Protein backbone atom coordinates (compact mmCIF):
# COMPACT_ATOMS: atom_id res chain seq x y z
CA MET A 1 -1.84 17.78 -2.24
CA ILE A 2 -1.04 16.90 2.17
CA ALA A 3 0.05 13.63 3.31
CA LEU A 4 -0.74 13.50 6.68
CA ILE A 5 2.02 10.89 7.49
CA GLN A 6 2.91 8.71 10.38
CA ARG A 7 6.11 6.76 11.83
CA VAL A 8 5.10 3.19 12.21
CA LYS A 9 6.97 0.24 13.26
CA GLN A 10 3.77 -2.18 11.01
CA ALA A 11 0.76 -0.84 9.16
CA SER A 12 -1.91 -2.80 7.22
CA VAL A 13 -5.12 -1.34 5.37
CA SER A 14 -7.55 -3.82 4.23
CA VAL A 15 -10.88 -4.33 1.66
CA ASP A 16 -13.62 -6.49 2.44
CA ASN A 17 -11.60 -8.17 5.42
CA GLN A 18 -8.82 -9.15 3.42
CA ILE A 19 -5.52 -7.29 3.51
CA ILE A 20 -4.68 -5.51 0.28
CA GLY A 21 -1.18 -3.86 1.75
CA GLN A 22 0.47 -4.08 5.10
CA ILE A 23 4.17 -2.90 5.73
CA ASP A 24 6.97 -3.17 8.65
CA GLN A 25 8.56 0.04 9.62
CA GLY A 26 8.30 3.00 7.68
CA LEU A 27 5.43 5.51 7.00
CA LEU A 28 2.14 5.54 6.80
CA VAL A 29 1.22 8.02 4.12
CA LEU A 30 -2.33 9.39 4.21
CA LEU A 31 -2.77 10.99 1.20
CA GLY A 32 -5.59 14.49 0.38
CA ILE A 33 -5.89 15.34 -3.26
CA GLU A 34 -7.15 18.64 -4.10
CA GLN A 35 -8.03 21.56 -7.18
CA GLY A 36 -5.53 22.63 -8.35
CA ASP A 37 -3.21 19.97 -7.01
CA ASN A 38 -0.96 18.25 -10.41
CA GLU A 39 1.71 16.03 -10.96
CA GLN A 40 4.34 18.67 -10.25
CA LYS A 41 2.94 19.29 -6.89
CA ALA A 42 2.84 15.34 -6.19
CA ILE A 43 6.50 15.11 -7.40
CA ARG A 44 7.36 17.75 -4.72
CA LEU A 45 5.41 16.34 -2.26
CA GLN A 46 7.18 12.72 -3.18
CA GLU A 47 10.19 14.22 -2.31
CA LYS A 48 9.10 15.56 0.99
CA VAL A 49 7.94 12.42 2.28
CA LEU A 50 10.66 10.45 1.05
CA GLY A 51 13.19 13.14 2.69
CA TYR A 52 11.76 13.81 5.36
CA ARG A 53 14.32 13.66 8.47
CA ILE A 54 11.33 11.78 11.63
CA PHE A 55 13.76 8.35 11.96
CA SER A 56 15.81 8.27 14.61
CA ASP A 57 19.97 8.87 14.28
CA ASP A 58 22.44 6.55 16.95
CA ASP A 59 21.77 9.46 19.26
CA GLY A 60 18.13 9.43 19.21
CA LYS A 61 18.25 12.48 17.02
CA MET A 62 15.41 12.68 14.16
CA ASN A 63 18.11 13.40 11.13
CA LEU A 64 17.20 10.07 9.41
CA ASN A 65 14.41 9.27 6.29
CA VAL A 66 12.40 6.63 5.68
CA GLN A 67 15.13 5.68 3.26
CA GLN A 68 18.23 5.89 5.63
CA ILE A 69 16.47 3.19 8.10
CA ASN A 70 15.61 1.36 4.76
CA GLY A 71 11.81 1.62 5.79
CA LYS A 72 8.65 1.02 3.66
CA LEU A 73 6.08 3.25 2.93
CA LEU A 74 1.80 2.44 2.82
CA VAL A 75 0.08 4.91 0.63
CA VAL A 76 -3.67 5.13 1.48
CA SER A 77 -6.02 7.50 -0.34
CA GLN A 78 -7.88 9.90 2.01
CA PHE A 79 -9.92 12.19 0.56
CA THR A 80 -11.40 13.98 3.96
CA LEU A 81 -7.92 15.21 4.13
CA ALA A 82 -9.31 17.93 1.66
CA ALA A 83 -12.16 18.77 3.64
CA ASP A 84 -13.40 22.20 4.76
CA THR A 85 -14.19 22.24 8.42
CA GLN A 86 -14.13 26.05 9.44
CA LYS A 87 -17.96 26.60 9.29
CA GLY A 88 -20.75 24.54 10.79
CA MET A 89 -20.49 21.26 12.42
CA ARG A 90 -20.53 19.05 8.69
CA PRO A 91 -17.14 19.38 6.53
CA SER A 92 -17.20 20.21 3.30
CA PHE A 93 -15.59 18.76 0.10
CA THR A 94 -15.72 21.15 -2.33
CA LYS A 95 -12.12 22.04 -2.17
CA GLY A 96 -11.20 18.11 -2.85
CA ALA A 97 -10.42 16.92 -6.18
CA SER A 98 -12.86 15.68 -8.47
CA PRO A 99 -12.83 11.72 -8.18
CA ALA A 100 -11.10 10.77 -11.75
CA MET A 101 -8.19 13.45 -11.00
CA ALA A 102 -7.87 12.49 -7.80
CA ASN A 103 -7.59 9.21 -8.40
CA GLU A 104 -4.79 10.03 -11.67
CA LEU A 105 -2.43 11.97 -9.04
CA TYR A 106 -2.85 9.23 -6.65
CA GLN A 107 -1.45 6.87 -8.90
CA PHE A 108 1.37 9.00 -10.36
CA PHE A 109 2.22 9.65 -6.46
CA VAL A 110 2.41 6.38 -5.57
CA LYS A 111 4.47 5.36 -8.69
CA GLN A 112 7.01 8.14 -8.05
CA CYS A 113 7.29 6.44 -4.65
CA GLN A 114 7.85 2.88 -6.45
CA GLN A 115 10.82 4.17 -8.06
CA HIS A 116 12.89 4.89 -4.88
CA ILE A 117 11.26 2.37 -1.87
CA GLU A 118 9.31 -0.50 -1.63
CA THR A 119 5.37 0.94 -1.78
CA GLN A 120 2.11 -0.46 -0.58
CA THR A 121 -1.13 0.29 -1.40
CA GLY A 122 -4.57 0.62 -0.15
CA GLN A 123 -7.33 0.85 -2.90
CA PHE A 124 -8.33 4.16 -4.14
CA ALA A 125 -12.17 4.68 -3.22
CA ALA A 126 -12.96 1.52 -1.53
CA ASP A 127 -14.01 1.39 2.33
CA MET A 128 -10.58 0.54 3.91
CA GLN A 129 -9.85 -0.51 7.00
CA VAL A 130 -6.48 0.96 8.46
CA ALA A 131 -4.33 -0.92 11.48
CA LEU A 132 -1.19 0.52 12.37
CA ILE A 133 0.98 0.65 15.16
CA ASN A 134 2.09 4.56 15.01
CA ASP A 135 6.08 4.39 16.63
CA GLY A 136 6.78 7.52 18.84
CA PRO A 137 3.80 8.76 17.90
CA VAL A 138 4.99 10.53 15.23
CA THR A 139 2.72 12.15 13.03
CA PHE A 140 3.21 15.27 10.74
CA TRP A 141 1.22 17.29 8.01
CA LEU A 142 2.86 17.75 4.79
CA GLN A 143 1.19 19.90 2.06
CA VAL A 144 2.46 21.39 -0.78
């Protein structure tokens, strides 16, 4: 399970020109789900996302997590994170979870996050447009 997290000043996701999720300061989480992922991995990744210290403290050091700054999450499914790009000039998606399993784990991950922090979402398997103001920029790849 993969989370590409971006520290943002604001972010939104739209489907059919309608904003369906938006946040101010917090994290945009692009979530990729691979074969073999499960609820235990989703819980571990949720703990890492919420606990990852990438916000500045009073001394300008990355010492605070998203909860400590009263930030929010915007979680967007991103199956392309599971792509195998090692060969050729076209990605392979054979490592990705089936759509049914990916949706189940995506929804589970979101519910785990919502128990701890305000969490907005995209729409699973939709053609989405994501807009953001990356703060820094600060972007990290987390994988469990």
